[in-house]
N, C-alpha and C. Protein backbone atom coordinates (compact mmCIF):
# COMPACT_ATOMS: atom_id res chain seq x y z
N MET A 1 -15.59 0.17 -13.70
CA MET A 1 -14.78 -0.73 -12.88
C MET A 1 -14.99 -0.36 -11.41
N SER A 2 -15.24 -1.34 -10.58
CA SER A 2 -15.52 -1.06 -9.18
C SER A 2 -14.29 -1.13 -8.28
N LYS A 3 -13.16 -1.52 -8.83
CA LYS A 3 -11.95 -1.61 -8.01
C LYS A 3 -11.53 -0.24 -7.51
N VAL A 4 -10.90 -0.23 -6.35
CA VAL A 4 -10.40 1.01 -5.77
C VAL A 4 -8.96 0.76 -5.32
N SER A 5 -8.15 1.79 -5.40
CA SER A 5 -6.76 1.64 -4.97
C SER A 5 -6.33 2.82 -4.12
N LEU A 6 -5.24 2.62 -3.44
CA LEU A 6 -4.66 3.65 -2.59
C LEU A 6 -3.17 3.74 -2.87
N TRP A 7 -2.68 4.93 -2.82
CA TRP A 7 -1.24 5.19 -2.81
C TRP A 7 -1.04 5.97 -1.52
N VAL A 8 -0.22 5.42 -0.62
CA VAL A 8 -0.03 6.01 0.70
C VAL A 8 1.46 6.27 0.94
N ARG A 9 1.75 7.49 1.41
CA ARG A 9 3.11 7.84 1.84
C ARG A 9 3.06 8.00 3.35
N ILE A 10 3.87 7.21 4.06
CA ILE A 10 3.90 7.24 5.51
C ILE A 10 5.25 7.81 5.94
N PRO A 11 5.25 9.03 6.50
CA PRO A 11 6.52 9.60 6.95
C PRO A 11 7.01 8.88 8.21
N VAL A 12 8.30 8.58 8.23
CA VAL A 12 8.90 7.91 9.39
C VAL A 12 10.06 8.75 9.92
N LYS A 13 10.37 8.53 11.19
CA LYS A 13 11.47 9.24 11.81
C LYS A 13 12.77 8.92 11.09
N PRO A 14 13.66 9.90 10.98
CA PRO A 14 14.95 9.66 10.30
C PRO A 14 15.66 8.44 10.86
N GLY A 15 16.15 7.63 9.94
CA GLY A 15 16.92 6.45 10.32
C GLY A 15 16.09 5.24 10.72
N THR A 16 14.76 5.32 10.64
CA THR A 16 13.92 4.20 11.08
C THR A 16 13.22 3.46 9.95
N ARG A 17 13.49 3.85 8.70
CA ARG A 17 12.74 3.25 7.60
C ARG A 17 12.91 1.73 7.54
N ALA A 18 14.08 1.21 7.72
CA ALA A 18 14.29 -0.24 7.63
C ALA A 18 13.49 -0.97 8.71
N ALA A 19 13.50 -0.44 9.91
CA ALA A 19 12.73 -1.06 10.99
C ALA A 19 11.24 -0.94 10.73
N ALA A 20 10.80 0.19 10.22
CA ALA A 20 9.38 0.37 9.90
C ALA A 20 8.97 -0.61 8.81
N ALA A 21 9.82 -0.80 7.82
CA ALA A 21 9.52 -1.74 6.74
C ALA A 21 9.38 -3.16 7.29
N LYS A 22 10.21 -3.52 8.24
CA LYS A 22 10.09 -4.85 8.86
C LYS A 22 8.76 -4.99 9.59
N ALA A 23 8.29 -3.92 10.22
CA ALA A 23 6.99 -3.96 10.90
C ALA A 23 5.86 -4.22 9.90
N PHE A 24 6.04 -3.79 8.67
CA PHE A 24 5.02 -4.00 7.65
C PHE A 24 4.86 -5.47 7.27
N GLN A 25 5.79 -6.32 7.68
CA GLN A 25 5.62 -7.75 7.41
C GLN A 25 4.34 -8.26 8.07
N PHE A 26 3.99 -7.70 9.22
CA PHE A 26 2.75 -8.06 9.91
C PHE A 26 1.55 -7.78 9.00
N ALA A 27 1.55 -6.62 8.35
CA ALA A 27 0.46 -6.26 7.44
C ALA A 27 0.44 -7.20 6.24
N VAL A 28 1.59 -7.43 5.65
CA VAL A 28 1.68 -8.29 4.46
C VAL A 28 1.18 -9.69 4.80
N ASP A 29 1.55 -10.19 5.95
CA ASP A 29 1.09 -11.52 6.36
C ASP A 29 -0.43 -11.56 6.50
N ASN A 30 -1.01 -10.51 7.05
CA ASN A 30 -2.45 -10.49 7.29
C ASN A 30 -3.28 -10.26 6.03
N VAL A 31 -2.80 -9.46 5.10
CA VAL A 31 -3.61 -9.23 3.89
C VAL A 31 -3.70 -10.48 3.02
N GLN A 32 -2.83 -11.46 3.27
CA GLN A 32 -2.92 -12.72 2.52
C GLN A 32 -4.28 -13.38 2.73
N ASN A 33 -4.92 -13.11 3.86
CA ASN A 33 -6.22 -13.71 4.20
C ASN A 33 -7.40 -12.84 3.83
N GLU A 34 -7.18 -11.72 3.18
CA GLU A 34 -8.25 -10.82 2.77
C GLU A 34 -8.55 -11.05 1.28
N ALA A 35 -9.64 -11.71 1.00
CA ALA A 35 -9.98 -12.03 -0.39
C ALA A 35 -10.11 -10.77 -1.25
N GLY A 36 -10.60 -9.68 -0.68
CA GLY A 36 -10.81 -8.46 -1.45
C GLY A 36 -9.58 -7.59 -1.62
N THR A 37 -8.50 -7.93 -0.92
CA THR A 37 -7.24 -7.21 -1.10
C THR A 37 -6.49 -7.88 -2.23
N LEU A 38 -6.45 -7.21 -3.37
CA LEU A 38 -5.87 -7.79 -4.57
C LEU A 38 -4.38 -7.53 -4.70
N THR A 39 -3.96 -6.34 -4.25
CA THR A 39 -2.55 -5.94 -4.33
C THR A 39 -2.21 -5.17 -3.07
N TYR A 40 -1.08 -5.49 -2.47
CA TYR A 40 -0.61 -4.76 -1.29
C TYR A 40 0.92 -4.79 -1.36
N ILE A 41 1.50 -3.69 -1.78
CA ILE A 41 2.94 -3.64 -2.01
C ILE A 41 3.55 -2.53 -1.16
N VAL A 42 4.55 -2.85 -0.39
CA VAL A 42 5.29 -1.89 0.43
C VAL A 42 6.53 -1.50 -0.36
N LEU A 43 6.75 -0.17 -0.48
CA LEU A 43 7.83 0.34 -1.32
C LEU A 43 8.67 1.37 -0.58
N GLU A 44 9.86 1.61 -1.12
CA GLU A 44 10.70 2.70 -0.65
C GLU A 44 11.19 3.48 -1.86
N GLU A 45 11.59 4.70 -1.59
CA GLU A 45 12.13 5.57 -2.65
C GLU A 45 13.47 6.11 -2.17
N GLU A 46 14.50 5.96 -2.98
CA GLU A 46 15.84 6.44 -2.59
C GLU A 46 15.82 7.93 -2.27
N ALA A 47 15.07 8.70 -3.03
CA ALA A 47 15.05 10.15 -2.86
C ALA A 47 14.27 10.60 -1.62
N ASP A 48 13.57 9.69 -0.97
CA ASP A 48 12.76 10.02 0.20
C ASP A 48 13.03 8.98 1.30
N PRO A 49 14.21 9.06 1.94
CA PRO A 49 14.61 8.02 2.89
C PRO A 49 13.81 7.99 4.19
N ASP A 50 12.99 9.01 4.42
CA ASP A 50 12.22 9.07 5.65
C ASP A 50 10.73 8.81 5.39
N ALA A 51 10.48 7.85 4.52
CA ALA A 51 9.09 7.49 4.21
C ALA A 51 9.00 6.04 3.74
N ILE A 52 7.85 5.46 3.99
CA ILE A 52 7.46 4.16 3.45
C ILE A 52 6.25 4.44 2.55
N PHE A 53 6.17 3.76 1.44
CA PHE A 53 5.04 3.90 0.54
C PHE A 53 4.31 2.58 0.45
N VAL A 54 3.01 2.63 0.29
CA VAL A 54 2.22 1.42 0.11
C VAL A 54 1.27 1.64 -1.06
N PHE A 55 1.24 0.67 -1.97
CA PHE A 55 0.29 0.69 -3.08
C PHE A 55 -0.67 -0.46 -2.86
N GLU A 56 -1.97 -0.17 -2.88
CA GLU A 56 -2.99 -1.16 -2.56
C GLU A 56 -4.08 -1.14 -3.62
N VAL A 57 -4.60 -2.32 -3.95
CA VAL A 57 -5.75 -2.42 -4.84
C VAL A 57 -6.75 -3.37 -4.18
N TYR A 58 -8.01 -2.93 -4.15
CA TYR A 58 -9.10 -3.70 -3.55
C TYR A 58 -10.16 -3.98 -4.60
N SER A 59 -10.88 -5.07 -4.41
CA SER A 59 -11.91 -5.47 -5.37
C SER A 59 -13.05 -4.45 -5.43
N ASP A 60 -13.31 -3.76 -4.32
CA ASP A 60 -14.37 -2.74 -4.28
C ASP A 60 -14.25 -1.96 -2.96
N HIS A 61 -15.14 -1.02 -2.76
CA HIS A 61 -15.10 -0.19 -1.55
C HIS A 61 -15.38 -1.01 -0.29
N ASP A 62 -16.21 -2.04 -0.40
CA ASP A 62 -16.48 -2.90 0.76
C ASP A 62 -15.21 -3.62 1.21
N ALA A 63 -14.41 -4.07 0.26
CA ALA A 63 -13.16 -4.75 0.61
C ALA A 63 -12.19 -3.79 1.29
N LEU A 64 -12.15 -2.56 0.82
CA LEU A 64 -11.30 -1.55 1.45
C LEU A 64 -11.76 -1.29 2.88
N ALA A 65 -13.07 -1.19 3.08
CA ALA A 65 -13.62 -0.96 4.42
C ALA A 65 -13.32 -2.14 5.33
N ALA A 66 -13.43 -3.36 4.81
CA ALA A 66 -13.13 -4.55 5.61
C ALA A 66 -11.67 -4.56 6.03
N HIS A 67 -10.79 -4.17 5.13
CA HIS A 67 -9.35 -4.09 5.43
C HIS A 67 -9.10 -3.11 6.57
N GLY A 68 -9.62 -1.89 6.41
CA GLY A 68 -9.40 -0.86 7.42
C GLY A 68 -10.07 -1.12 8.75
N GLY A 69 -11.13 -1.93 8.75
CA GLY A 69 -11.84 -2.24 9.98
C GLY A 69 -11.46 -3.56 10.63
N SER A 70 -10.48 -4.23 10.05
CA SER A 70 -10.09 -5.55 10.56
C SER A 70 -9.39 -5.44 11.92
N ASP A 71 -9.48 -6.51 12.69
CA ASP A 71 -8.83 -6.54 14.00
C ASP A 71 -7.32 -6.39 13.89
N TRP A 72 -6.74 -7.04 12.89
CA TRP A 72 -5.29 -6.96 12.75
C TRP A 72 -4.86 -5.54 12.44
N PHE A 73 -5.66 -4.80 11.64
CA PHE A 73 -5.30 -3.42 11.28
C PHE A 73 -5.29 -2.53 12.51
N LYS A 74 -6.23 -2.77 13.43
CA LYS A 74 -6.28 -2.00 14.68
C LYS A 74 -5.04 -2.28 15.53
N GLU A 75 -4.52 -3.47 15.44
CA GLU A 75 -3.29 -3.84 16.16
C GLU A 75 -2.05 -3.26 15.49
N PHE A 76 -2.12 -3.14 14.18
CA PHE A 76 -0.98 -2.67 13.39
C PHE A 76 -0.66 -1.19 13.64
N GLY A 77 -1.69 -0.37 13.77
CA GLY A 77 -1.48 1.07 13.99
C GLY A 77 -0.51 1.36 15.13
N PRO A 78 -0.74 0.80 16.31
CA PRO A 78 0.20 1.03 17.42
C PRO A 78 1.60 0.49 17.15
N MET A 79 1.71 -0.54 16.31
CA MET A 79 3.03 -1.08 15.97
C MET A 79 3.85 -0.05 15.18
N LEU A 80 3.17 0.75 14.36
CA LEU A 80 3.85 1.76 13.55
C LEU A 80 4.05 3.08 14.27
N ALA A 81 3.32 3.29 15.35
CA ALA A 81 3.34 4.58 16.04
C ALA A 81 4.75 5.01 16.45
N GLY A 82 5.59 4.08 16.83
CA GLY A 82 6.95 4.41 17.25
C GLY A 82 7.83 4.92 16.12
N PHE A 83 7.43 4.65 14.89
CA PHE A 83 8.20 5.09 13.73
C PHE A 83 7.64 6.35 13.09
N ALA A 84 6.39 6.67 13.40
CA ALA A 84 5.69 7.75 12.72
C ALA A 84 6.32 9.11 12.93
N ALA A 85 6.34 9.87 11.84
CA ALA A 85 6.86 11.25 11.89
C ALA A 85 5.83 12.20 11.29
N GLY A 86 4.58 11.84 11.38
CA GLY A 86 3.51 12.67 10.83
C GLY A 86 2.38 11.81 10.31
N LYS A 87 1.37 12.47 9.80
CA LYS A 87 0.20 11.76 9.27
C LYS A 87 0.50 11.16 7.90
N PRO A 88 -0.08 9.98 7.64
CA PRO A 88 0.06 9.41 6.30
C PRO A 88 -0.61 10.31 5.26
N GLU A 89 -0.02 10.35 4.10
CA GLU A 89 -0.59 11.06 2.96
C GLU A 89 -1.28 9.99 2.10
N MET A 90 -2.60 10.07 2.02
CA MET A 90 -3.38 9.03 1.34
C MET A 90 -4.02 9.59 0.08
N HIS A 91 -3.88 8.83 -0.99
CA HIS A 91 -4.51 9.18 -2.26
C HIS A 91 -5.40 8.00 -2.66
N PHE A 92 -6.70 8.23 -2.68
CA PHE A 92 -7.66 7.22 -3.11
C PHE A 92 -7.82 7.35 -4.62
N LEU A 93 -7.61 6.24 -5.31
CA LEU A 93 -7.57 6.25 -6.77
C LEU A 93 -8.55 5.22 -7.33
N ASN A 94 -9.05 5.51 -8.53
CA ASN A 94 -9.89 4.57 -9.24
C ASN A 94 -9.10 4.04 -10.43
N PRO A 95 -8.76 2.74 -10.42
CA PRO A 95 -8.02 2.19 -11.56
C PRO A 95 -8.80 2.32 -12.86
N LEU A 96 -8.12 2.72 -13.90
CA LEU A 96 -8.75 2.88 -15.21
C LEU A 96 -8.34 1.78 -16.17
N LEU A 97 -7.03 1.63 -16.37
CA LEU A 97 -6.49 0.69 -17.35
C LEU A 97 -5.22 0.07 -16.80
N GLY A 98 -4.88 -1.10 -17.24
CA GLY A 98 -3.59 -1.65 -16.89
C GLY A 98 -3.60 -3.16 -16.81
N LYS A 99 -2.42 -3.70 -16.82
CA LYS A 99 -2.24 -5.14 -16.69
C LYS A 99 -2.63 -5.56 -15.28
N GLY A 100 -3.35 -6.62 -15.15
CA GLY A 100 -3.74 -7.13 -13.84
C GLY A 100 -5.06 -6.60 -13.32
N LEU A 101 -5.69 -5.73 -14.04
CA LEU A 101 -6.98 -5.22 -13.60
C LEU A 101 -8.09 -6.06 -14.17
């Protein structure tokens, strides 16, 4: 299977998670136009109130590269900078089995 996925934990400053999540609407709006972006879900965890999580699935490595190199993505980084409380923790994963693959 050539699909690739990411699980990302983005630490945010205390008390800013809701505002950071609203900023992610920009990303969600833009990935709608990326044919190779198959899944892009922004999540939160009650036990980790100072983080945003994103689960992403791409059709292949080229689609992931196109996503990360897009003009909108370059604009999005500075939008999140005000909320950031550290570097994102990124896990690159290869889907094996599951519904929707």
